[in-house]
PDB file of N, CA and C in Angstrom:
ATOM      1  N   UNK A   1      33.786  29.989   5.081  1.00  0.00           N
ATOM      2  CA  UNK A   1      35.078  30.316   5.617  1.00  0.00           C
ATOM      3  C   UNK A   1      35.284  29.454   6.865  1.00  0.00           C
ATOM      4  N   UNK A   2      36.469  28.851   6.974  1.00  0.00           N
ATOM      5  CA  UNK A   2      36.794  27.999   8.113  1.00  0.00           C
ATOM      6  C   UNK A   2      38.212  28.295   8.580  1.00  0.00           C
ATOM      7  N   UNK A   3      38.380  28.378   9.899  1.00  0.00           N
ATOM      8  CA  UNK A   3      39.708  28.608  10.465  1.00  0.00           C
ATOM      9  C   UNK A   3      40.380  27.281  10.764  1.00  0.00           C
ATOM     10  N   UNK A   4      41.637  27.186  10.375  1.00  0.00           N
ATOM     11  CA  UNK A   4      42.442  26.004  10.676  1.00  0.00           C
ATOM     12  C   UNK A   4      43.239  26.267  11.938  1.00  0.00           C
ATOM     13  N   UNK A   5      43.325  25.286  12.797  1.00  0.00           N
ATOM     14  CA  UNK A   5      44.105  25.421  14.018  1.00  0.00           C
ATOM     15  C   UNK A   5      45.503  24.876  13.831  1.00  0.00           C
ATOM     16  N   UNK A   6      46.200  24.696  14.930  1.00  0.00           N
ATOM     17  CA  UNK A   6      47.560  24.183  14.893  1.00  0.00           C
ATOM     18  C   UNK A   6      47.617  22.771  15.446  1.00  0.00           C
ATOM     19  N   UNK A   7      48.619  22.067  15.031  1.00  0.00           N
ATOM     20  CA  UNK A   7      48.911  20.756  15.587  1.00  0.00           C
ATOM     21  C   UNK A   7      50.361  20.780  16.034  1.00  0.00           C
ATOM     22  N   UNK A   8      50.579  20.650  17.307  1.00  0.00           N
ATOM     23  CA  UNK A   8      51.931  20.631  17.859  1.00  0.00           C
ATOM     24  C   UNK A   8      52.156  19.279  18.513  1.00  0.00           C
ATOM     25  N   UNK A   9      53.257  18.651  18.180  1.00  0.00           N
ATOM     26  CA  UNK A   9      53.580  17.338  18.733  1.00  0.00           C
ATOM     27  C   UNK A   9      54.873  17.463  19.525  1.00  0.00           C
ATOM     28  N   UNK A  10      54.835  17.035  20.763  1.00  0.00           N
ATOM     29  CA  UNK A  10      56.012  17.093  21.625  1.00  0.00           C
ATOM     30  C   UNK A  10      57.129  16.220  21.025  1.00  0.00           C
ATOM     31  N   UNK A  11      58.359  16.690  21.041  1.00  0.00           N
ATOM     32  CA  UNK A  11      59.466  15.914  20.464  1.00  0.00           C
ATOM     33  C   UNK A  11      59.624  14.519  21.067  1.00  0.00           C
ATOM     34  N   UNK A  12      59.217  14.332  22.309  1.00  0.00           N
ATOM     35  CA  UNK A  12      59.329  13.010  22.936  1.00  0.00           C
ATOM     36  C   UNK A  12      58.199  12.070  22.532  1.00  0.00           C
ATOM     37  N   UNK A  13      57.185  12.588  21.867  1.00  0.00           N
ATOM     38  CA  UNK A  13      56.051  11.753  21.452  1.00  0.00           C
ATOM     39  C   UNK A  13      56.377  11.146  20.093  1.00  0.00           C
ATOM     40  N   UNK A  14      56.895   9.933  20.099  1.00  0.00           N
ATOM     41  CA  UNK A  14      57.388   9.314  18.872  1.00  0.00           C
ATOM     42  C   UNK A  14      56.483   8.214  18.311  1.00  0.00           C
ATOM     43  N   UNK A  15      55.323   7.998  18.895  1.00  0.00           N
ATOM     44  CA  UNK A  15      54.449   6.928  18.429  1.00  0.00           C
ATOM     45  C   UNK A  15      53.929   7.243  17.030  1.00  0.00           C
ATOM     46  N   UNK A  16      54.051   6.297  16.077  1.00  0.00           N
ATOM     47  CA  UNK A  16      53.619   6.569  14.701  1.00  0.00           C
ATOM     48  C   UNK A  16      52.127   6.855  14.557  1.00  0.00           C
ATOM     49  N   UNK A  17      51.306   6.407  15.495  1.00  0.00           N
ATOM     50  CA  UNK A  17      49.868   6.666  15.390  1.00  0.00           C
ATOM     51  C   UNK A  17      49.533   8.150  15.546  1.00  0.00           C
ATOM     52  N   UNK A  18      50.418   8.910  16.185  1.00  0.00           N
ATOM     53  CA  UNK A  18      50.166  10.346  16.339  1.00  0.00           C
ATOM     54  C   UNK A  18      50.068  11.003  14.970  1.00  0.00           C
ATOM     55  N   UNK A  19      51.007  10.713  14.100  1.00  0.00           N
ATOM     56  CA  UNK A  19      50.990  11.289  12.748  1.00  0.00           C
ATOM     57  C   UNK A  19      49.835  10.715  11.941  1.00  0.00           C
ATOM     58  N   UNK A  20      49.548   9.440  12.102  1.00  0.00           N
ATOM     59  CA  UNK A  20      48.409   8.837  11.384  1.00  0.00           C
ATOM     60  C   UNK A  20      47.094   9.521  11.758  1.00  0.00           C
ATOM     61  N   UNK A  21      46.910   9.787  13.038  1.00  0.00           N
ATOM     62  CA  UNK A  21      45.692  10.462  13.498  1.00  0.00           C
ATOM     63  C   UNK A  21      45.634  11.881  12.945  1.00  0.00           C
ATOM     64  N   UNK A  22      46.773  12.557  12.923  1.00  0.00           N
ATOM     65  CA  UNK A  22      46.813  13.914  12.372  1.00  0.00           C
ATOM     66  C   UNK A  22      46.417  13.917  10.895  1.00  0.00           C
ATOM     67  N   UNK A  23      46.957  12.978  10.121  1.00  0.00           N
ATOM     68  CA  UNK A  23      46.602  12.909   8.692  1.00  0.00           C
ATOM     69  C   UNK A  23      45.134  12.523   8.504  1.00  0.00           C
ATOM     70  N   UNK A  24      44.618  11.665   9.372  1.00  0.00           N
ATOM     71  CA  UNK A  24      43.193  11.307   9.291  1.00  0.00           C
ATOM     72  C   UNK A  24      42.328  12.532   9.564  1.00  0.00           C
ATOM     73  N   UNK A  25      42.730  13.360  10.507  1.00  0.00           N
ATOM     74  CA  UNK A  25      41.986  14.588  10.808  1.00  0.00           C
ATOM     75  C   UNK A  25      42.021  15.538   9.622  1.00  0.00           C
ATOM     76  N   UNK A  26      43.164  15.647   8.961  1.00  0.00           N
ATOM     77  CA  UNK A  26      43.252  16.494   7.762  1.00  0.00           C
ATOM     78  C   UNK A  26      42.362  15.962   6.645  1.00  0.00           C
ATOM     79  N   UNK A  27      42.323  14.654   6.486  1.00  0.00           N
ATOM     80  CA  UNK A  27      41.452  14.058   5.460  1.00  0.00           C
ATOM     81  C   UNK A  27      39.984  14.334   5.772  1.00  0.00           C
ATOM     82  N   UNK A  28      39.605  14.238   7.050  1.00  0.00           N
ATOM     83  CA  UNK A  28      38.225  14.540   7.442  1.00  0.00           C
ATOM     84  C   UNK A  28      37.919  16.010   7.200  1.00  0.00           C
ATOM     85  N   UNK A  29      38.878  16.879   7.456  1.00  0.00           N
ATOM     86  CA  UNK A  29      38.687  18.303   7.198  1.00  0.00           C
ATOM     87  C   UNK A  29      38.478  18.556   5.713  1.00  0.00           C
ATOM     88  N   UNK A  30      39.268  17.889   4.872  1.00  0.00           N
ATOM     89  CA  UNK A  30      39.114  18.055   3.422  1.00  0.00           C
ATOM     90  C   UNK A  30      37.724  17.628   2.974  1.00  0.00           C
ATOM     91  N   UNK A  31      37.213  16.546   3.533  1.00  0.00           N
ATOM     92  CA  UNK A  31      35.856  16.093   3.194  1.00  0.00           C
ATOM     93  C   UNK A  31      34.821  17.112   3.657  1.00  0.00           C
ATOM     94  N   UNK A  32      35.016  17.680   4.833  1.00  0.00           N
ATOM     95  CA  UNK A  32      34.107  18.702   5.367  1.00  0.00           C
ATOM     96  C   UNK A  32      34.114  19.945   4.478  1.00  0.00           C
ATOM     97  N   UNK A  33      35.296  20.370   4.062  1.00  0.00           N
ATOM     98  CA  UNK A  33      35.427  21.543   3.190  1.00  0.00           C
ATOM     99  C   UNK A  33      34.673  21.311   1.885  1.00  0.00           C
ATOM    100  N   UNK A  34      34.826  20.129   1.305  1.00  0.00           N
ATOM    101  CA  UNK A  34      34.109  19.809   0.059  1.00  0.00           C
ATOM    102  C   UNK A  34      32.600  19.756   0.282  1.00  0.00           C
ATOM    103  N   UNK A  35      32.165  19.059   1.331  1.00  0.00           N
ATOM    104  CA  UNK A  35      30.740  18.897   1.597  1.00  0.00           C
ATOM    105  C   UNK A  35      30.045  20.236   1.830  1.00  0.00           C
ATOM    106  N   UNK A  36      30.699  21.119   2.564  1.00  0.00           N
ATOM    107  CA  UNK A  36      30.100  22.407   2.910  1.00  0.00           C
ATOM    108  C   UNK A  36      30.421  23.507   1.906  1.00  0.00           C
ATOM    109  N   UNK A  37      31.144  23.155   0.864  1.00  0.00           N
ATOM    110  CA  UNK A  37      31.513  24.107  -0.192  1.00  0.00           C
ATOM    111  C   UNK A  37      32.193  25.351   0.388  1.00  0.00           C
ATOM    112  N   UNK A  38      33.134  25.119   1.266  1.00  0.00           N
ATOM    113  CA  UNK A  38      33.884  26.210   1.887  1.00  0.00           C
ATOM    114  C   UNK A  38      34.905  26.718   0.883  1.00  0.00           C
ATOM    115  N   UNK A  39      34.889  28.016   0.656  1.00  0.00           N
ATOM    116  CA  UNK A  39      35.776  28.578  -0.358  1.00  0.00           C
ATOM    117  C   UNK A  39      37.004  29.262   0.226  1.00  0.00           C
ATOM    118  N   UNK A  40      37.054  29.420   1.552  1.00  0.00           N
ATOM    119  CA  UNK A  40      38.215  30.078   2.137  1.00  0.00           C
ATOM    120  C   UNK A  40      38.607  29.396   3.438  1.00  0.00           C
ATOM    121  N   UNK A  41      39.893  29.055   3.530  1.00  0.00           N
ATOM    122  CA  UNK A  41      40.482  28.522   4.746  1.00  0.00           C
ATOM    123  C   UNK A  41      41.489  29.549   5.245  1.00  0.00           C
ATOM    124  N   UNK A  42      41.558  29.737   6.557  1.00  0.00           N
ATOM    125  CA  UNK A  42      42.558  30.651   7.099  1.00  0.00           C
ATOM    126  C   UNK A  42      43.089  30.103   8.405  1.00  0.00           C
ATOM    127  N   UNK A  43      44.248  30.578   8.796  1.00  0.00           N
ATOM    128  CA  UNK A  43      44.846  30.132  10.041  1.00  0.00           C
ATOM    129  C   UNK A  43      46.136  30.870  10.298  1.00  0.00           C
ATOM    130  N   UNK A  44      46.878  30.394  11.272  1.00  0.00           N
ATOM    131  CA  UNK A  44      48.113  31.067  11.649  1.00  0.00           C
ATOM    132  C   UNK A  44      49.298  30.155  11.388  1.00  0.00           C
ATOM    133  N   UNK A  45      50.459  30.715  11.479  1.00  0.00           N
ATOM    134  CA  UNK A  45      51.696  29.950  11.339  1.00  0.00           C
ATOM    135  C   UNK A  45      52.737  30.534  12.271  1.00  0.00           C
ATOM    136  N   UNK A  46      53.828  29.831  12.430  1.00  0.00           N
ATOM    137  CA  UNK A  46      54.912  30.296  13.286  1.00  0.00           C
ATOM    138  C   UNK A  46      56.198  30.411  12.481  1.00  0.00           C
ATOM    139  N   UNK A  47      57.002  31.371  12.856  1.00  0.00           N
ATOM    140  CA  UNK A  47      58.318  31.543  12.259  1.00  0.00           C
ATOM    141  C   UNK A  47      59.329  31.551  13.393  1.00  0.00           C
ATOM    142  N   UNK A  48      60.452  30.887  13.173  1.00  0.00           N
ATOM    143  CA  UNK A  48      61.473  30.790  14.214  1.00  0.00           C
ATOM    144  C   UNK A  48      62.108  32.145  14.491  1.00  0.00           C
ATOM    145  N   UNK A  49      62.302  32.454  15.761  1.00  0.00           N
ATOM    146  CA  UNK A  49      63.013  33.651  16.148  1.00  0.00           C
ATOM    147  C   UNK A  49      62.154  34.896  16.180  1.00  0.00           C
ATOM    148  N   UNK A  50      62.810  36.013  16.426  1.00  0.00           N
ATOM    149  CA  UNK A  50      62.119  37.302  16.510  1.00  0.00           C
ATOM    150  C   UNK A  50      62.636  38.291  15.476  1.00  0.00           C
ATOM    151  N   UNK A  51      63.590  37.890  14.670  1.00  0.00           N
ATOM    152  CA  UNK A  51      64.162  38.766  13.649  1.00  0.00           C
ATOM    153  C   UNK A  51      63.333  38.638  12.367  1.00  0.00           C
ATOM    154  N   UNK A  52      62.483  39.621  12.114  1.00  0.00           N
ATOM    155  CA  UNK A  52      61.565  39.540  10.972  1.00  0.00           C
ATOM    156  C   UNK A  52      62.259  39.623   9.618  1.00  0.00           C
ATOM    157  N   UNK A  53      63.400  40.274   9.546  1.00  0.00           N
ATOM    158  CA  UNK A  53      64.082  40.426   8.253  1.00  0.00           C
ATOM    159  C   UNK A  53      64.494  39.078   7.671  1.00  0.00           C
ATOM    160  N   UNK A  54      64.722  38.094   8.517  1.00  0.00           N
ATOM    161  CA  UNK A  54      65.096  36.752   8.056  1.00  0.00           C
ATOM    162  C   UNK A  54      63.969  36.133   7.220  1.00  0.00           C
ATOM    163  N   UNK A  55      62.744  36.501   7.504  1.00  0.00           N
ATOM    164  CA  UNK A  55      61.583  35.900   6.850  1.00  0.00           C
ATOM    165  C   UNK A  55      60.916  36.844   5.846  1.00  0.00           C
ATOM    166  N   UNK A  56      61.576  37.909   5.475  1.00  0.00           N
ATOM    167  CA  UNK A  56      60.963  38.939   4.638  1.00  0.00           C
ATOM    168  C   UNK A  56      60.415  38.386   3.318  1.00  0.00           C
ATOM    169  N   UNK A  57      61.171  37.500   2.661  1.00  0.00           N
ATOM    170  CA  UNK A  57      60.699  36.941   1.383  1.00  0.00           C
ATOM    171  C   UNK A  57      59.389  36.186   1.548  1.00  0.00           C
ATOM    172  N   UNK A  58      59.285  35.407   2.611  1.00  0.00           N
ATOM    173  CA  UNK A  58      58.057  34.648   2.864  1.00  0.00           C
ATOM    174  C   UNK A  58      56.903  35.596   3.164  1.00  0.00           C
ATOM    175  N   UNK A  59      57.153  36.628   3.969  1.00  0.00           N
ATOM    176  CA  UNK A  59      56.104  37.605   4.276  1.00  0.00           C
ATOM    177  C   UNK A  59      55.597  38.267   2.999  1.00  0.00           C
ATOM    178  N   UNK A  60      56.507  38.613   2.099  1.00  0.00           N
ATOM    179  CA  UNK A  60      56.106  39.244   0.837  1.00  0.00           C
ATOM    180  C   UNK A  60      55.281  38.293  -0.010  1.00  0.00           C
ATOM    181  N   UNK A  61      55.705  37.027  -0.090  1.00  0.00           N
ATOM    182  CA  UNK A  61      54.955  36.025  -0.848  1.00  0.00           C
ATOM    183  C   UNK A  61      53.556  35.840  -0.276  1.00  0.00           C
ATOM    184  N   UNK A  62      53.468  35.714   1.046  1.00  0.00           N
ATOM    185  CA  UNK A  62      52.151  35.561   1.683  1.00  0.00           C
ATOM    186  C   UNK A  62      51.273  36.778   1.413  1.00  0.00           C
ATOM    187  N   UNK A  63      51.850  37.964   1.505  1.00  0.00           N
ATOM    188  CA  UNK A  63      51.090  39.187   1.261  1.00  0.00           C
ATOM    189  C   UNK A  63      50.586  39.292  -0.167  1.00  0.00           C
ATOM    190  N   UNK A  64      51.392  38.869  -1.129  1.00  0.00           N
ATOM    191  CA  UNK A  64      51.007  38.966  -2.548  1.00  0.00           C
ATOM    192  C   UNK A  64      50.013  37.888  -2.965  1.00  0.00           C
ATOM    193  N   UNK A  65      50.213  36.672  -2.479  1.00  0.00           N
ATOM    194  CA  UNK A  65      49.403  35.541  -2.961  1.00  0.00           C
ATOM    195  C   UNK A  65      48.256  35.128  -2.038  1.00  0.00           C
ATOM    196  N   UNK A  66      48.367  35.440  -0.759  1.00  0.00           N
ATOM    197  CA  UNK A  66      47.417  34.854   0.187  1.00  0.00           C
ATOM    198  C   UNK A  66      46.788  35.853   1.152  1.00  0.00           C
ATOM    199  N   UNK A  67      46.811  37.118   0.839  1.00  0.00           N
ATOM    200  CA  UNK A  67      46.200  38.118   1.722  1.00  0.00           C
ATOM    201  C   UNK A  67      44.675  37.994   1.688  1.00  0.00           C
ATOM    202  N   UNK A  68      44.057  38.285   2.795  1.00  0.00           N
ATOM    203  CA  UNK A  68      42.597  38.263   2.881  1.00  0.00           C
ATOM    204  C   UNK A  68      42.016  39.394   2.049  1.00  0.00           C
ATOM    205  N   UNK A  69      40.773  39.218   1.583  1.00  0.00           N
ATOM    206  CA  UNK A  69      40.102  40.336   0.903  1.00  0.00           C
ATOM    207  C   UNK A  69      40.045  41.550   1.827  1.00  0.00           C
ATOM    208  N   UNK A  70      40.114  42.740   1.274  1.00  0.00           N
ATOM    209  CA  UNK A  70      40.192  43.960   2.091  1.00  0.00           C
ATOM    210  C   UNK A  70      39.038  44.073   3.088  1.00  0.00           C
ATOM    211  N   UNK A  71      37.881  43.526   2.748  1.00  0.00           N
ATOM    212  CA  UNK A  71      36.739  43.558   3.654  1.00  0.00           C
ATOM    213  C   UNK A  71      37.029  42.820   4.966  1.00  0.00           C
ATOM    214  N   UNK A  72      37.905  41.815   4.925  1.00  0.00           N
ATOM    215  CA  UNK A  72      38.171  40.969   6.084  1.00  0.00           C
ATOM    216  C   UNK A  72      39.490  41.279   6.783  1.00  0.00           C
ATOM    217  N   UNK A  73      40.222  42.258   6.330  1.00  0.00           N
ATOM    218  CA  UNK A  73      41.490  42.599   6.967  1.00  0.00           C
ATOM    219  C   UNK A  73      41.201  43.223   8.334  1.00  0.00           C
ATOM    220  N   UNK A  74      41.855  42.738   9.393  1.00  0.00           N
ATOM    221  CA  UNK A  74      41.601  43.295  10.729  1.00  0.00           C
ATOM    222  C   UNK A  74      41.891  44.790  10.779  1.00  0.00           C
ATOM    223  N   UNK A  75      41.070  45.508  11.505  1.00  0.00           N
ATOM    224  CA  UNK A  75      41.215  46.947  11.667  1.00  0.00           C
ATOM    225  C   UNK A  75      41.194  47.282  13.148  1.00  0.00           C
ATOM    226  N   UNK A  76      41.871  48.346  13.529  1.00  0.00           N
ATOM    227  CA  UNK A  76      41.803  48.842  14.900  1.00  0.00           C
ATOM    228  C   UNK A  76      40.512  49.627  15.023  1.00  0.00           C
ATOM    229  N   UNK A  77      39.663  49.281  15.971  1.00  0.00           N
ATOM    230  CA  UNK A  77      38.366  49.951  16.129  1.00  0.00           C
ATOM    231  C   UNK A  77      38.432  51.138  17.071  1.00  0.00           C
ATOM    232  N   UNK A  78      39.288  51.078  18.067  1.00  0.00           N
ATOM    233  CA  UNK A  78      39.458  52.235  18.946  1.00  0.00           C
ATOM    234  C   UNK A  78      40.827  52.143  19.590  1.00  0.00           C
ATOM    235  N   UNK A  79      41.374  53.291  19.853  1.00  0.00           N
ATOM    236  CA  UNK A  79      42.691  53.319  20.489  1.00  0.00           C
ATOM    237  C   UNK A  79      42.561  52.875  21.944  1.00  0.00           C
ATOM    238  N   UNK A  80      43.471  52.053  22.369  1.00  0.00           N
ATOM    239  CA  UNK A  80      43.439  51.582  23.741  1.00  0.00           C
ATOM    240  C   UNK A  80      44.866  51.254  24.156  1.00  0.00           C
ATOM    241  N   UNK A  81      45.247  51.678  25.313  1.00  0.00           N
ATOM    242  CA  UNK A  81      46.573  51.325  25.806  1.00  0.00           C
ATOM    243  C   UNK A  81      46.422  50.600  27.128  1.00  0.00           C
ATOM    244  N   UNK A  82      47.354  49.734  27.399  1.00  0.00           N
ATOM    245  CA  UNK A  82      47.295  48.920  28.604  1.00  0.00           C
ATOM    246  C   UNK A  82      48.707  48.786  29.149  1.00  0.00           C
ATOM    247  N   UNK A  83      48.899  49.185  30.385  1.00  0.00           N
ATOM    248  CA  UNK A  83      50.187  49.044  31.022  1.00  0.00           C
ATOM    249  C   UNK A  83      50.198  47.711  31.755  1.00  0.00           C
ATOM    250  N   UNK A  84      50.683  46.677  31.091  1.00  0.00           N
ATOM    251  CA  UNK A  84      50.644  45.345  31.686  1.00  0.00           C
ATOM    252  C   UNK A  84      51.606  45.223  32.865  1.00  0.00           C
ATOM    253  N   UNK A  85      52.619  46.085  32.935  1.00  0.00           N
ATOM    254  CA  UNK A  85      53.536  46.042  34.075  1.00  0.00           C
ATOM    255  C   UNK A  85      52.856  46.478  35.370  1.00  0.00           C
ATOM    256  N   UNK A  86      51.818  47.301  35.258  1.00  0.00           N
ATOM    257  CA  UNK A  86      51.129  47.810  36.445  1.00  0.00           C
ATOM    258  C   UNK A  86      50.019  46.872  36.913  1.00  0.00           C
ATOM    259  N   UNK A  87      49.748  45.839  36.147  1.00  0.00           N
ATOM    260  CA  UNK A  87      48.657  44.928  36.492  1.00  0.00           C
ATOM    261  C   UNK A  87      49.155  43.805  37.390  1.00  0.00           C
ATOM    262  N   UNK A  88      48.328  43.404  38.324  1.00  0.00           N
ATOM    263  CA  UNK A  88      48.648  42.259  39.170  1.00  0.00           C
ATOM    264  C   UNK A  88      48.353  40.988  38.383  1.00  0.00           C
ATOM    265  N   UNK A  89      49.153  39.972  38.605  1.00  0.00           N
ATOM    266  CA  UNK A  89      48.934  38.698  37.931  1.00  0.00           C
ATOM    267  C   UNK A  89      47.640  38.076  38.441  1.00  0.00           C
ATOM    268  N   UNK A  90      46.787  37.568  37.541  1.00  0.00           N
ATOM    269  CA  UNK A  90      45.537  36.952  38.000  1.00  0.00           C
ATOM    270  C   UNK A  90      45.820  35.631  38.702  1.00  0.00           C
ATOM    271  N   UNK A  91      44.998  35.321  39.667  1.00  0.00           N
ATOM    272  CA  UNK A  91      45.132  34.016  40.307  1.00  0.00           C
ATOM    273  C   UNK A  91      44.317  33.016  39.501  1.00  0.00           C
ATOM    274  N   UNK A  92      44.821  31.822  39.390  1.00  0.00           N
ATOM    275  CA  UNK A  92      44.152  30.798  38.594  1.00  0.00           C
ATOM    276  C   UNK A  92      44.264  29.463  39.298  1.00  0.00           C
ATOM    277  N   UNK A  93      43.133  28.796  39.464  1.00  0.00           N
ATOM    278  CA  UNK A  93      43.098  27.466  40.054  1.00  0.00           C
ATOM    279  C   UNK A  93      42.448  26.531  39.051  1.00  0.00           C
ATOM    280  N   UNK A  94      43.172  25.479  38.592  1.00  0.00           N
ATOM    281  CA  UNK A  94      42.577  24.547  37.620  1.00  0.00           C
ATOM    282  C   UNK A  94      41.261  23.968  38.130  1.00  0.00           C
ATOM    283  N   UNK A  95      40.339  23.727  37.223  1.00  0.00           N
ATOM    284  CA  UNK A  95      39.032  23.114  37.487  1.00  0.00           C
ATOM    285  C   UNK A  95      38.078  24.005  38.260  1.00  0.00           C
ATOM    286  N   UNK A  96      38.391  25.279  38.428  1.00  0.00           N
ATOM    287  CA  UNK A  96      37.464  26.215  39.050  1.00  0.00           C
ATOM    288  C   UNK A  96      37.131  27.291  38.030  1.00  0.00           C
ATOM    289  N   UNK A  97      35.895  27.764  38.018  1.00  0.00           N
ATOM    290  CA  UNK A  97      35.538  28.815  37.058  1.00  0.00           C
ATOM    291  C   UNK A  97      36.428  30.036  37.224  1.00  0.00           C
ATOM    292  N   UNK A  98      36.842  30.596  36.107  1.00  0.00           N
ATOM    293  CA  UNK A  98      37.677  31.782  36.110  1.00  0.00           C
ATOM    294  C   UNK A  98      36.786  32.997  36.083  1.00  0.00           C
ATOM    295  N   UNK A  99      37.251  34.156  36.558  1.00  0.00           N
ATOM    296  CA  UNK A  99      36.440  35.376  36.542  1.00  0.00           C
ATOM    297  C   UNK A  99      35.820  35.570  35.170  1.00  0.00           C
ATOM    298  N   UNK A 100      34.536  35.795  35.144  1.00  0.00           N
ATOM    299  CA  UNK A 100      33.840  36.046  33.884  1.00  0.00           C
ATOM    300  C   UNK A 100      33.411  34.784  33.168  1.00  0.00           C
ATOM    301  N   UNK A 101      33.818  33.640  33.644  1.00  0.00           N
ATOM    302  CA  UNK A 101      33.467  32.380  33.006  1.00  0.00           C
ATOM    303  C   UNK A 101      32.190  31.857  33.663  1.00  0.00           C
ATOM    304  N   UNK A 102      31.166  31.596  32.864  1.00  0.00           N
ATOM    305  CA  UNK A 102      29.873  31.183  33.409  1.00  0.00           C
ATOM    306  C   UNK A 102      29.664  29.690  33.423  1.00  0.00           C
ATOM    307  N   UNK A 103      30.695  28.942  33.092  1.00  0.00           N
ATOM    308  CA  UNK A 103      30.587  27.489  33.117  1.00  0.00           C
ATOM    309  C   UNK A 103      31.879  26.907  33.674  1.00  0.00           C
ATOM    310  N   UNK A 104      31.849  25.649  34.001  1.00  0.00           N
ATOM    311  CA  UNK A 104      33.029  24.987  34.543  1.00  0.00           C
ATOM    312  C   UNK A 104      33.983  24.687  33.381  1.00  0.00           C
ATOM    313  N   UNK A 105      35.193  25.208  33.449  1.00  0.00           N
ATOM    314  CA  UNK A 105      36.190  25.036  32.401  1.00  0.00           C
ATOM    315  C   UNK A 105      37.040  23.835  32.720  1.00  0.00           C
ATOM    316  N   UNK A 106      36.916  22.781  31.956  1.00  0.00           N
ATOM    317  CA  UNK A 106      37.690  21.567  32.202  1.00  0.00           C
ATOM    318  C   UNK A 106      39.064  21.706  31.554  1.00  0.00           C
ATOM    319  N   UNK A 107      40.100  21.212  32.194  1.00  0.00           N
ATOM    320  CA  UNK A 107      41.429  21.292  31.598  1.00  0.00           C
ATOM    321  C   UNK A 107      41.526  20.380  30.383  1.00  0.00           C
ATOM    322  N   UNK A 108      42.351  20.749  29.428  1.00  0.00           N
ATOM    323  CA  UNK A 108      42.572  19.924  28.250  1.00  0.00           C
ATOM    324  C   UNK A 108      43.994  19.391  28.293  1.00  0.00           C
ATOM    325  N   UNK A 109      44.203  18.309  27.607  1.00  0.00           N
ATOM    326  CA  UNK A 109      45.540  17.698  27.574  1.00  0.00           C
ATOM    327  C   UNK A 109      46.291  18.173  26.361  1.00  0.00           C
TER     328      UNK A 109
END
């Protein structure tokens, strides 16, 4: 089982090599999947807007054809509530370890 990530390209980034590199990465992934005999790929997707009814047909198709086996469906393990409005915003300084981080976190581009 392997998780697929996302590839987002800024609209101002128009260099043709960006797409070439993306396709090369997909080709390398396909070779990796074959070599390691991976039988399941999973990942996330995005849908425009917040109105779910607009995408209902797609949700139904995904649920019927591409749902995970019941053993792997996420489950709630314990009830927990969090009032995020009552929480103070964390302070964050780039290139400095964040609370709970045991190594130096380098920024990514």
